[in-house]
Amino acid sequence: MEERGDMNMDAELLAGRFQEHRGQLRAVAYRMLGSLAEAEDAVQEAWLRLGRTDTDEIRNLGGWLTTVVGRVCLDMLRSRTARREQPIDETFVPDPVIRPLTSVDPEQEVLEADSVGLALLIVLETLEPAERLAFVLHDMFAVPFDDIAPIVERSPAATRQLASRARRRVQGATPAADPDLGRQRKVLEAFLAASRGGDFEALVALLHPDVVLRVDSGALVRGAAASKVVRGARTVAEQALTFRQFAESAWLALVNGTVGMVTTPEGRPLSVMAVTVADGRITEMYILADPERLDRLDLTAEEN
């Protein structure tokens, strides 16, 4: 009986140590997969693998878990790529992470595990699985190439090249953005007011002439609310006015660490919007309006 008690204590200790690393593991998986549900699955798989491993052989638990999650995510990405008959649709918007706008100090928000912009996640989605892994683990979590190389089954030098190629893609495709939450909020509040007031010219003035709107409504939504990519300030402003009846139920929140908008008519989630703001105007808009995926999101952030 005493031996069993010691084993239970060991299990409890191991569970506690795993919990200490869960936040980082979830952040790694989310950046790798762009899906909150799949990220949780990857973290859970790491826990199961830990339970089947002789922990006496693990010298650095955090590093071991990070590489295990990376390997699980790589397998999931490769499986996803194998199932996909066509390249990812340009309307795709990753799962957003939503938090109350006033609950997090701006400096602390930079440190939040999930604060990675949707624009970056969209670029990461275009990378080959091995490139994405090398970039995420090395550039975002400082995992040495010597530790990443066995996961992608390449030499450290070849793994370094994978990350380098990914880095060039990311730097070339990620839009410039104003990091100041106060200025972001000012632009979003003005956009929301113009939408509610039906002020077309005010909307146009808040949008960059080459603004791009990406709407992901899923495969089943048809008609005006269907998935689409819209370009140009006047065309995007027209889209905003088309759905102006929902502006009254929209409220501001932190969406992946930047100021965004959640629309919940009659308390039902209709859409989540993230934007890129630069020089006082919106340059990119990302709207998730897929009913099935919205139902799985945590929309408990308080309205502001």
C-alpha atoms as a PDB file:
ATOM      1  CA  MET A   1       0.000   0.000   0.000  1.00  0.00           C
ATOM      2  CA  GLU A   2       2.824   2.390   0.813  1.00  0.00           C
ATOM      3  CA  GLU A   3       4.420   1.774  -2.586  1.00  0.00           C
ATOM      4  CA  ARG A   4       1.124   2.569  -4.334  1.00  0.00           C
ATOM      5  CA  GLY A   5       0.860   5.795  -2.338  1.00  0.00           C
ATOM      6  CA  ASP A   6       4.333   6.826  -3.475  1.00  0.00           C
ATOM      7  CA  MET A   7       3.385   6.105  -7.084  1.00  0.00           C
ATOM      8  CA  ASN A   8       0.266   8.262  -6.735  1.00  0.00           C
ATOM      9  CA  MET A   9       2.339  11.097  -5.327  1.00  0.00           C
ATOM     10  CA  ASP A  10       4.697  10.784  -8.284  1.00  0.00           C
ATOM     11  CA  ALA A  11       1.750  10.943 -10.674  1.00  0.00           C
ATOM     12  CA  GLU A  12       0.373  14.020  -8.923  1.00  0.00           C
ATOM     13  CA  LEU A  13       3.775  15.697  -9.022  1.00  0.00           C
ATOM     14  CA  LEU A  14       4.147  14.918 -12.707  1.00  0.00           C
ATOM     15  CA  ALA A  15       0.660  16.273 -13.429  1.00  0.00           C
ATOM     16  CA  GLY A  16       1.524  19.460 -11.586  1.00  0.00           C
ATOM     17  CA  ARG A  17       4.755  19.919 -13.514  1.00  0.00           C
ATOM     18  CA  PHE A  18       2.930  19.280 -16.789  1.00  0.00           C
ATOM     19  CA  GLN A  19       0.362  21.921 -15.855  1.00  0.00           C
ATOM     20  CA  GLU A  20       3.179  24.439 -15.365  1.00  0.00           C
ATOM     21  CA  HIS A  21       4.119  24.002 -19.032  1.00  0.00           C
ATOM     22  CA  ARG A  22       0.585  23.766 -20.461  1.00  0.00           C
ATOM     23  CA  GLY A  23       0.393  27.463 -21.397  1.00  0.00           C
ATOM     24  CA  GLN A  24       3.535  27.344 -23.525  1.00  0.00           C
ATOM     25  CA  LEU A  25       2.576  24.003 -25.058  1.00  0.00           C
ATOM     26  CA  ARG A  26      -0.811  25.399 -26.046  1.00  0.00           C
ATOM     27  CA  ALA A  27       0.871  28.467 -27.529  1.00  0.00           C
ATOM     28  CA  VAL A  28       3.236  26.287 -29.592  1.00  0.00           C
ATOM     29  CA  ALA A  29       0.376  24.120 -30.850  1.00  0.00           C
ATOM     30  CA  TYR A  30      -1.851  27.105 -31.663  1.00  0.00           C
ATOM     31  CA  ARG A  31       0.880  28.714 -33.755  1.00  0.00           C
ATOM     32  CA  MET A  32       1.495  25.408 -35.495  1.00  0.00           C
ATOM     33  CA  LEU A  33      -2.133  24.573 -36.210  1.00  0.00           C
ATOM     34  CA  GLY A  34      -4.156  27.820 -36.158  1.00  0.00           C
ATOM     35  CA  SER A  35      -6.958  25.859 -34.457  1.00  0.00           C
ATOM     36  CA  LEU A  36      -7.743  26.088 -30.758  1.00  0.00           C
ATOM     37  CA  ALA A  37      -9.449  22.692 -30.669  1.00  0.00           C
ATOM     38  CA  GLU A  38      -6.598  20.956 -32.488  1.00  0.00           C
ATOM     39  CA  ALA A  39      -4.083  22.725 -30.255  1.00  0.00           C
ATOM     40  CA  GLU A  40      -5.802  21.263 -27.182  1.00  0.00           C
ATOM     41  CA  ASP A  41      -5.751  17.828 -28.827  1.00  0.00           C
ATOM     42  CA  ALA A  42      -2.004  18.144 -29.425  1.00  0.00           C
ATOM     43  CA  VAL A  43      -1.347  19.159 -25.816  1.00  0.00           C
ATOM     44  CA  GLN A  44      -3.452  16.251 -24.569  1.00  0.00           C
ATOM     45  CA  GLU A  45      -1.499  13.850 -26.773  1.00  0.00           C
ATOM     46  CA  ALA A  46       1.738  15.157 -25.261  1.00  0.00           C
ATOM     47  CA  TRP A  47       0.360  14.390 -21.802  1.00  0.00           C
ATOM     48  CA  LEU A  48      -0.531  10.847 -22.871  1.00  0.00           C
ATOM     49  CA  ARG A  49       2.942  10.301 -24.306  1.00  0.00           C
ATOM     50  CA  LEU A  50       4.491  11.611 -21.115  1.00  0.00           C
ATOM     51  CA  GLY A  51       2.509   9.009 -19.189  1.00  0.00           C
ATOM     52  CA  ARG A  52       4.028   6.261 -21.342  1.00  0.00           C
ATOM     53  CA  THR A  53       7.599   7.527 -20.925  1.00  0.00           C
ATOM     54  CA  ASP A  54      10.230   6.810 -18.279  1.00  0.00           C
ATOM     55  CA  THR A  55      10.492  10.289 -16.787  1.00  0.00           C
ATOM     56  CA  ASP A  56      13.834   9.438 -15.190  1.00  0.00           C
ATOM     57  CA  GLU A  57      15.300   9.745 -18.691  1.00  0.00           C
ATOM     58  CA  ILE A  58      13.925  13.310 -19.173  1.00  0.00           C
ATOM     59  CA  ARG A  59      16.434  15.957 -18.106  1.00  0.00           C
ATOM     60  CA  ASN A  60      14.505  19.026 -19.266  1.00  0.00           C
ATOM     61  CA  LEU A  61      10.750  18.439 -19.034  1.00  0.00           C
ATOM     62  CA  GLY A  62       9.773  21.727 -20.670  1.00  0.00           C
ATOM     63  CA  GLY A  63      12.070  21.157 -23.625  1.00  0.00           C
ATOM     64  CA  TRP A  64      10.981  17.535 -23.970  1.00  0.00           C
ATOM     65  CA  LEU A  65       7.286  18.472 -23.949  1.00  0.00           C
ATOM     66  CA  THR A  66       7.816  21.281 -26.450  1.00  0.00           C
ATOM     67  CA  THR A  67       9.506  18.975 -28.931  1.00  0.00           C
ATOM     68  CA  VAL A  68       6.837  16.304 -28.410  1.00  0.00           C
ATOM     69  CA  VAL A  69       4.063  18.823 -29.100  1.00  0.00           C
ATOM     70  CA  GLY A  70       6.013  19.980 -32.144  1.00  0.00           C
ATOM     71  CA  ARG A  71       6.212  16.415 -33.440  1.00  0.00           C
ATOM     72  CA  VAL A  72       2.495  15.824 -32.817  1.00  0.00           C
ATOM     73  CA  CYS A  73       1.596  19.064 -34.612  1.00  0.00           C
ATOM     74  CA  LEU A  74       3.876  18.193 -37.532  1.00  0.00           C
ATOM     75  CA  ASP A  75       2.071  14.874 -37.942  1.00  0.00           C
ATOM     76  CA  MET A  76      -1.305  16.644 -37.785  1.00  0.00           C
ATOM     77  CA  LEU A  77      -0.223  19.198 -40.397  1.00  0.00           C
ATOM     78  CA  ARG A  78       1.074  16.504 -42.721  1.00  0.00           C
ATOM     79  CA  SER A  79      -2.168  14.578 -42.352  1.00  0.00           C
ATOM     80  CA  ARG A  80      -4.152  17.748 -43.034  1.00  0.00           C
ATOM     81  CA  THR A  81      -2.061  18.475 -46.135  1.00  0.00           C
ATOM     82  CA  ALA A  82      -2.515  14.916 -47.407  1.00  0.00           C
ATOM     83  CA  ARG A  83      -6.316  15.175 -47.051  1.00  0.00           C
ATOM     84  CA  ARG A  84      -6.514  18.577 -48.716  1.00  0.00           C
ATOM     85  CA  GLU A  85      -7.217  18.223 -52.437  1.00  0.00           C
ATOM     86  CA  GLN A  86      -6.623  21.912 -53.139  1.00  0.00           C
ATOM     87  CA  PRO A  87      -4.375  24.613 -51.641  1.00  0.00           C
ATOM     88  CA  ILE A  88      -5.827  26.466 -48.663  1.00  0.00           C
ATOM     89  CA  ASP A  89      -8.602  28.845 -49.671  1.00  0.00           C
ATOM     90  CA  GLU A  90      -7.632  32.520 -49.540  1.00  0.00           C
ATOM     91  CA  THR A  91     -10.742  33.198 -47.443  1.00  0.00           C
ATOM     92  CA  PHE A  92      -9.445  31.066 -44.546  1.00  0.00           C
ATOM     93  CA  VAL A  93      -9.326  32.817 -41.153  1.00  0.00           C
ATOM     94  CA  PRO A  94      -7.735  30.941 -38.198  1.00  0.00           C
ATOM     95  CA  ASP A  95      -9.501  30.535 -34.859  1.00  0.00           C
ATOM     96  CA  PRO A  96      -9.275  33.852 -32.975  1.00  0.00           C
ATOM     97  CA  VAL A  97      -8.443  34.219 -29.279  1.00  0.00           C
ATOM     98  CA  ILE A  98     -10.799  36.715 -27.633  1.00  0.00           C
ATOM     99  CA  ARG A  99     -10.278  38.559 -24.361  1.00  0.00           C
ATOM    100  CA  PRO A 100     -11.937  41.547 -22.666  1.00  0.00           C
ATOM    101  CA  LEU A 101     -10.536  44.825 -23.920  1.00  0.00           C
ATOM    102  CA  THR A 102      -9.967  46.397 -20.516  1.00  0.00           C
ATOM    103  CA  SER A 103      -8.786  43.407 -18.488  1.00  0.00           C
ATOM    104  CA  VAL A 104      -5.192  43.186 -19.689  1.00  0.00           C
ATOM    105  CA  ASP A 105      -2.486  45.773 -19.343  1.00  0.00           C
ATOM    106  CA  PRO A 106      -1.006  46.558 -22.794  1.00  0.00           C
ATOM    107  CA  GLU A 107       2.505  45.627 -21.669  1.00  0.00           C
ATOM    108  CA  GLN A 108       1.269  42.368 -20.180  1.00  0.00           C
ATOM    109  CA  GLU A 109      -0.733  41.589 -23.315  1.00  0.00           C
ATOM    110  CA  VAL A 110       2.499  41.387 -25.295  1.00  0.00           C
ATOM    111  CA  LEU A 111       3.509  38.516 -23.058  1.00  0.00           C
ATOM    112  CA  GLU A 112       0.209  36.616 -23.369  1.00  0.00           C
ATOM    113  CA  ALA A 113       0.826  33.155 -24.794  1.00  0.00           C
ATOM    114  CA  ASP A 114      -1.856  33.364 -27.467  1.00  0.00           C
ATOM    115  CA  SER A 115      -1.162  36.917 -28.648  1.00  0.00           C
ATOM    116  CA  VAL A 116      -0.124  36.139 -32.185  1.00  0.00           C
ATOM    117  CA  GLY A 117      -1.882  38.100 -34.897  1.00  0.00           C
ATOM    118  CA  LEU A 118      -4.280  36.457 -37.320  1.00  0.00           C
ATOM    119  CA  ALA A 119      -2.277  37.956 -40.186  1.00  0.00           C
ATOM    120  CA  LEU A 120       0.798  36.014 -39.081  1.00  0.00           C
ATOM    121  CA  LEU A 121      -1.211  32.817 -38.592  1.00  0.00           C
ATOM    122  CA  ILE A 122      -2.560  33.142 -42.134  1.00  0.00           C
ATOM    123  CA  VAL A 123       0.984  33.432 -43.492  1.00  0.00           C
ATOM    124  CA  LEU A 124       2.089  30.445 -41.412  1.00  0.00           C
ATOM    125  CA  GLU A 125      -0.748  28.446 -42.971  1.00  0.00           C
ATOM    126  CA  THR A 126       0.917  28.830 -46.383  1.00  0.00           C
ATOM    127  CA  LEU A 127       4.204  27.269 -45.244  1.00  0.00           C
ATOM    128  CA  GLU A 128       5.166  23.656 -45.711  1.00  0.00           C
ATOM    129  CA  PRO A 129       4.703  21.701 -42.439  1.00  0.00           C
ATOM    130  CA  ALA A 130       8.439  21.294 -41.799  1.00  0.00           C
ATOM    131  CA  GLU A 131       9.085  24.992 -42.527  1.00  0.00           C
ATOM    132  CA  ARG A 132       6.334  25.994 -40.155  1.00  0.00           C
ATOM    133  CA  LEU A 133       7.703  23.780 -37.407  1.00  0.00           C
ATOM    134  CA  ALA A 134      11.262  25.052 -37.779  1.00  0.00           C
ATOM    135  CA  PHE A 135      10.125  28.688 -37.781  1.00  0.00           C
ATOM    136  CA  VAL A 136       7.693  28.373 -34.877  1.00  0.00           C
ATOM    137  CA  LEU A 137       9.983  26.390 -32.597  1.00  0.00           C
ATOM    138  CA  HIS A 138      13.159  28.333 -33.335  1.00  0.00           C
ATOM    139  CA  ASP A 139      12.035  31.896 -34.026  1.00  0.00           C
ATOM    140  CA  MET A 140       9.125  32.027 -31.581  1.00  0.00           C
ATOM    141  CA  PHE A 141      10.257  29.703 -28.803  1.00  0.00           C
ATOM    142  CA  ALA A 142      14.062  29.675 -29.153  1.00  0.00           C
ATOM    143  CA  VAL A 143      14.332  25.903 -29.533  1.00  0.00           C
ATOM    144  CA  PRO A 144      17.832  25.067 -30.855  1.00  0.00           C
ATOM    145  CA  PHE A 145      18.090  23.687 -34.387  1.00  0.00           C
ATOM    146  CA  ASP A 146      19.887  20.642 -32.963  1.00  0.00           C
ATOM    147  CA  ASP A 147      16.655  19.764 -31.114  1.00  0.00           C
ATOM    148  CA  ILE A 148      14.371  20.515 -34.081  1.00  0.00           C
ATOM    149  CA  ALA A 149      16.404  18.562 -36.635  1.00  0.00           C
ATOM    150  CA  PRO A 150      15.389  15.068 -35.409  1.00  0.00           C
ATOM    151  CA  ILE A 151      11.712  16.019 -35.567  1.00  0.00           C
ATOM    152  CA  VAL A 152      11.881  17.014 -39.249  1.00  0.00           C
ATOM    153  CA  GLU A 153      14.419  14.263 -39.980  1.00  0.00           C
ATOM    154  CA  ARG A 154      17.020  16.649 -41.370  1.00  0.00           C
ATOM    155  CA  SER A 155      20.444  17.895 -40.398  1.00  0.00           C
ATOM    156  CA  PRO A 156      20.684  20.994 -38.191  1.00  0.00           C
ATOM    157  CA  ALA A 157      22.024  22.949 -41.200  1.00  0.00           C
ATOM    158  CA  ALA A 158      19.082  21.886 -43.368  1.00  0.00           C
ATOM    159  CA  THR A 159      16.692  22.706 -40.527  1.00  0.00           C
ATOM    160  CA  ARG A 160      18.233  26.169 -40.291  1.00  0.00           C
ATOM    161  CA  GLN A 161      17.487  26.620 -44.001  1.00  0.00           C
ATOM    162  CA  LEU A 162      13.864  25.619 -43.448  1.00  0.00           C
ATOM    163  CA  ALA A 163      13.483  28.329 -40.816  1.00  0.00           C
ATOM    164  CA  SER A 164      15.282  30.854 -43.007  1.00  0.00           C
ATOM    165  CA  ARG A 165      12.921  30.243 -45.938  1.00  0.00           C
ATOM    166  CA  ALA A 166       9.925  30.505 -43.657  1.00  0.00           C
ATOM    167  CA  ARG A 167      11.267  33.720 -42.120  1.00  0.00           C
ATOM    168  CA  ARG A 168      11.592  35.357 -45.539  1.00  0.00           C
ATOM    169  CA  ARG A 169       8.014  34.378 -46.394  1.00  0.00           C
ATOM    170  CA  VAL A 170       6.707  35.741 -43.118  1.00  0.00           C
ATOM    171  CA  GLN A 171       8.608  39.013 -43.372  1.00  0.00           C
ATOM    172  CA  GLY A 172       7.505  39.520 -46.950  1.00  0.00           C
ATOM    173  CA  ALA A 173       3.819  38.766 -46.400  1.00  0.00           C
ATOM    174  CA  THR A 174       2.978  40.091 -42.938  1.00  0.00           C
ATOM    175  CA  PRO A 175       1.480  43.605 -43.136  1.00  0.00           C
ATOM    176  CA  ALA A 176       2.980  46.479 -41.174  1.00  0.00           C
ATOM    177  CA  ALA A 177       0.877  47.312 -38.126  1.00  0.00           C
ATOM    178  CA  ASP A 178       0.537  49.960 -35.423  1.00  0.00           C
ATOM    179  CA  PRO A 179       1.113  48.149 -32.090  1.00  0.00           C
ATOM    180  CA  ASP A 180      -0.517  50.858 -29.945  1.00  0.00           C
ATOM    181  CA  LEU A 181      -3.815  49.562 -28.509  1.00  0.00           C
ATOM    182  CA  GLY A 182      -5.079  53.079 -27.855  1.00  0.00           C
ATOM    183  CA  ARG A 183      -4.736  54.132 -31.478  1.00  0.00           C
ATOM    184  CA  GLN A 184      -6.229  50.841 -32.634  1.00  0.00           C
ATOM    185  CA  ARG A 185      -9.229  51.378 -30.378  1.00  0.00           C
ATOM    186  CA  LYS A 186      -9.760  54.911 -31.665  1.00  0.00           C
ATOM    187  CA  VAL A 187      -9.911  53.655 -35.264  1.00  0.00           C
ATOM    188  CA  LEU A 188     -12.253  50.756 -34.400  1.00  0.00           C
ATOM    189  CA  GLU A 189     -14.575  52.992 -32.401  1.00  0.00           C
ATOM    190  CA  ALA A 190     -14.782  55.399 -35.333  1.00  0.00           C
ATOM    191  CA  PHE A 191     -15.429  52.504 -37.724  1.00  0.00           C
ATOM    192  CA  LEU A 192     -18.192  51.157 -35.514  1.00  0.00           C
ATOM    193  CA  ALA A 193     -19.797  54.602 -35.187  1.00  0.00           C
ATOM    194  CA  ALA A 194     -19.693  55.131 -38.958  1.00  0.00           C
ATOM    195  CA  SER A 195     -21.223  51.689 -39.528  1.00  0.00           C
ATOM    196  CA  ARG A 196     -24.034  52.353 -37.075  1.00  0.00           C
ATOM    197  CA  GLY A 197     -24.661  55.765 -38.593  1.00  0.00           C
ATOM    198  CA  GLY A 198     -24.551  54.544 -42.176  1.00  0.00           C
ATOM    199  CA  ASP A 199     -21.849  57.109 -42.982  1.00  0.00           C
ATOM    200  CA  PHE A 200     -20.271  55.748 -46.170  1.00  0.00           C
ATOM    201  CA  GLU A 201     -17.663  58.482 -46.628  1.00  0.00           C
ATOM    202  CA  ALA A 202     -16.545  58.212 -43.000  1.00  0.00           C
ATOM    203  CA  LEU A 203     -16.037  54.483 -43.495  1.00  0.00           C
ATOM    204  CA  VAL A 204     -14.012  55.065 -46.659  1.00  0.00           C
ATOM    205  CA  ALA A 205     -11.828  57.587 -44.829  1.00  0.00           C
ATOM    206  CA  LEU A 206     -10.997  54.989 -42.170  1.00  0.00           C
ATOM    207  CA  LEU A 207      -9.942  52.396 -44.743  1.00  0.00           C
ATOM    208  CA  HIS A 208      -6.696  52.272 -46.681  1.00  0.00           C
ATOM    209  CA  PRO A 209      -7.386  52.590 -50.437  1.00  0.00           C
ATOM    210  CA  ASP A 210      -6.003  49.062 -50.937  1.00  0.00           C
ATOM    211  CA  VAL A 211      -7.634  47.509 -47.862  1.00  0.00           C
ATOM    212  CA  VAL A 212      -8.280  43.765 -48.071  1.00  0.00           C
ATOM    213  CA  LEU A 213     -11.279  42.151 -46.377  1.00  0.00           C
ATOM    214  CA  ARG A 214     -11.166  38.393 -45.834  1.00  0.00           C
ATOM    215  CA  VAL A 215     -14.418  36.722 -44.706  1.00  0.00           C
ATOM    216  CA  ASP A 216     -14.505  33.051 -43.664  1.00  0.00           C
ATOM    217  CA  SER A 217     -18.114  31.910 -43.307  1.00  0.00           C
ATOM    218  CA  GLY A 218     -17.446  28.216 -43.756  1.00  0.00           C
ATOM    219  CA  ALA A 219     -18.598  25.944 -46.529  1.00  0.00           C
ATOM    220  CA  LEU A 220     -22.337  26.020 -45.854  1.00  0.00           C
ATOM    221  CA  VAL A 221     -23.159  29.753 -45.769  1.00  0.00           C
ATOM    222  CA  ARG A 222     -24.391  31.146 -49.080  1.00  0.00           C
ATOM    223  CA  GLY A 223     -25.549  34.479 -50.458  1.00  0.00           C
ATOM    224  CA  ALA A 224     -24.284  37.862 -49.325  1.00  0.00           C
ATOM    225  CA  ALA A 225     -22.806  36.384 -46.142  1.00  0.00           C
ATOM    226  CA  ALA A 226     -20.731  33.734 -47.938  1.00  0.00           C
ATOM    227  CA  SER A 227     -16.941  33.512 -47.703  1.00  0.00           C
ATOM    228  CA  LYS A 228     -15.209  36.109 -49.850  1.00  0.00           C
ATOM    229  CA  VAL A 229     -12.193  38.325 -50.352  1.00  0.00           C
ATOM    230  CA  VAL A 230     -12.992  41.988 -51.027  1.00  0.00           C
ATOM    231  CA  ARG A 231     -10.455  44.652 -52.003  1.00  0.00           C
ATOM    232  CA  GLY A 232     -10.579  48.439 -52.066  1.00  0.00           C
ATOM    233  CA  ALA A 233     -11.894  51.013 -49.592  1.00  0.00           C
ATOM    234  CA  ARG A 234     -15.181  51.817 -51.303  1.00  0.00           C
ATOM    235  CA  THR A 235     -16.057  48.165 -51.930  1.00  0.00           C
ATOM    236  CA  VAL A 236     -15.246  47.197 -48.344  1.00  0.00           C
ATOM    237  CA  ALA A 237     -17.264  50.163 -47.039  1.00  0.00           C
ATOM    238  CA  GLU A 238     -20.223  48.955 -49.081  1.00  0.00           C
ATOM    239  CA  GLN A 239     -19.886  45.559 -47.438  1.00  0.00           C
ATOM    240  CA  ALA A 240     -19.937  47.208 -44.004  1.00  0.00           C
ATOM    241  CA  LEU A 241     -23.140  49.061 -44.832  1.00  0.00           C
ATOM    242  CA  THR A 242     -24.755  45.897 -46.202  1.00  0.00           C
ATOM    243  CA  PHE A 243     -24.556  44.425 -42.708  1.00  0.00           C
ATOM    244  CA  ARG A 244     -25.039  47.667 -40.750  1.00  0.00           C
ATOM    245  CA  GLN A 245     -28.122  46.266 -38.957  1.00  0.00           C
ATOM    246  CA  PHE A 246     -25.773  44.096 -36.926  1.00  0.00           C
ATOM    247  CA  ALA A 247     -23.510  46.986 -35.886  1.00  0.00           C
ATOM    248  CA  GLU A 248     -25.709  47.772 -32.875  1.00  0.00           C
ATOM    249  CA  SER A 249     -24.846  44.376 -31.375  1.00  0.00           C
ATOM    250  CA  ALA A 250     -21.100  44.711 -32.034  1.00  0.00           C
ATOM    251  CA  TRP A 251     -18.607  45.374 -29.243  1.00  0.00           C
ATOM    252  CA  LEU A 252     -14.873  45.803 -28.996  1.00  0.00           C
ATOM    253  CA  ALA A 253     -12.561  43.152 -27.576  1.00  0.00           C
ATOM    254  CA  LEU A 254      -8.975  42.020 -27.787  1.00  0.00           C
ATOM    255  CA  VAL A 255      -8.710  39.621 -30.711  1.00  0.00           C
ATOM    256  CA  ASN A 256      -5.314  37.914 -30.758  1.00  0.00           C
ATOM    257  CA  GLY A 257      -3.801  40.747 -28.796  1.00  0.00           C
ATOM    258  CA  THR A 258      -5.112  43.619 -30.942  1.00  0.00           C
ATOM    259  CA  VAL A 259      -8.356  45.581 -30.820  1.00  0.00           C
ATOM    260  CA  GLY A 260     -11.093  43.838 -32.763  1.00  0.00           C
ATOM    261  CA  MET A 261     -14.845  43.435 -32.819  1.00  0.00           C
ATOM    262  CA  VAL A 262     -17.321  40.747 -31.786  1.00  0.00           C
ATOM    263  CA  THR A 263     -20.910  40.772 -33.058  1.00  0.00           C
ATOM    264  CA  THR A 264     -23.539  38.941 -31.017  1.00  0.00           C
ATOM    265  CA  PRO A 265     -27.124  39.799 -32.047  1.00  0.00           C
ATOM    266  CA  GLU A 266     -29.522  38.561 -29.369  1.00  0.00           C
ATOM    267  CA  GLY A 267     -26.528  37.028 -27.613  1.00  0.00           C
ATOM    268  CA  ARG A 268     -25.796  34.697 -30.512  1.00  0.00           C
ATOM    269  CA  PRO A 269     -22.252  34.809 -31.977  1.00  0.00           C
ATOM    270  CA  LEU A 270     -22.431  36.082 -35.546  1.00  0.00           C
ATOM    271  CA  SER A 271     -18.845  37.122 -36.288  1.00  0.00           C
ATOM    272  CA  VAL A 272     -15.438  37.993 -34.885  1.00  0.00           C
ATOM    273  CA  MET A 273     -13.349  40.605 -36.688  1.00  0.00           C
ATOM    274  CA  ALA A 274      -9.654  41.373 -36.343  1.00  0.00           C
ATOM    275  CA  VAL A 275      -7.972  44.207 -38.202  1.00  0.00           C
ATOM    276  CA  THR A 276      -4.555  45.554 -39.032  1.00  0.00           C
ATOM    277  CA  VAL A 277      -4.229  49.291 -38.390  1.00  0.00           C
ATOM    278  CA  ALA A 278      -1.397  51.377 -39.846  1.00  0.00           C
ATOM    279  CA  ASP A 279      -1.116  55.177 -39.963  1.00  0.00           C
ATOM    280  CA  GLY A 280      -4.616  55.585 -38.591  1.00  0.00           C
ATOM    281  CA  ARG A 281      -6.350  53.482 -41.237  1.00  0.00           C
ATOM    282  CA  ILE A 282      -7.410  49.876 -41.557  1.00  0.00           C
ATOM    283  CA  THR A 283      -5.291  47.969 -44.062  1.00  0.00           C
ATOM    284  CA  GLU A 284      -6.469  44.387 -43.442  1.00  0.00           C
ATOM    285  CA  MET A 285      -9.729  42.957 -42.082  1.00  0.00           C
ATOM    286  CA  TYR A 286     -10.235  39.324 -41.035  1.00  0.00           C
ATOM    287  CA  ILE A 287     -13.756  38.124 -40.226  1.00  0.00           C
ATOM    288  CA  LEU A 288     -14.636  34.675 -38.941  1.00  0.00           C
ATOM    289  CA  ALA A 289     -18.362  34.091 -39.479  1.00  0.00           C
ATOM    290  CA  ASP A 290     -18.444  30.297 -39.690  1.00  0.00           C
ATOM    291  CA  PRO A 291     -21.332  29.318 -37.370  1.00  0.00           C
ATOM    292  CA  GLU A 292     -19.878  25.917 -36.528  1.00  0.00           C
ATOM    293  CA  ARG A 293     -16.463  27.282 -35.546  1.00  0.00           C
ATOM    294  CA  LEU A 294     -17.928  30.278 -33.692  1.00  0.00           C
ATOM    295  CA  ASP A 295     -19.934  27.941 -31.487  1.00  0.00           C
ATOM    296  CA  ARG A 296     -16.679  26.384 -30.284  1.00  0.00           C
ATOM    297  CA  LEU A 297     -15.052  29.690 -29.317  1.00  0.00           C
ATOM    298  CA  ASP A 298     -14.937  31.268 -25.859  1.00  0.00           C
ATOM    299  CA  LEU A 299     -16.938  34.475 -26.286  1.00  0.00           C
ATOM    300  CA  THR A 300     -17.245  35.245 -22.601  1.00  0.00           C
ATOM    301  CA  ALA A 301     -15.237  38.478 -22.870  1.00  0.00           C
ATOM    302  CA  GLU A 302     -17.282  41.307 -21.388  1.00  0.00           C
ATOM    303  CA  GLU A 303     -18.624  43.960 -23.698  1.00  0.00           C
ATOM    304  CA  ASN A 304     -16.949  47.348 -23.409  1.00  0.00           C
END
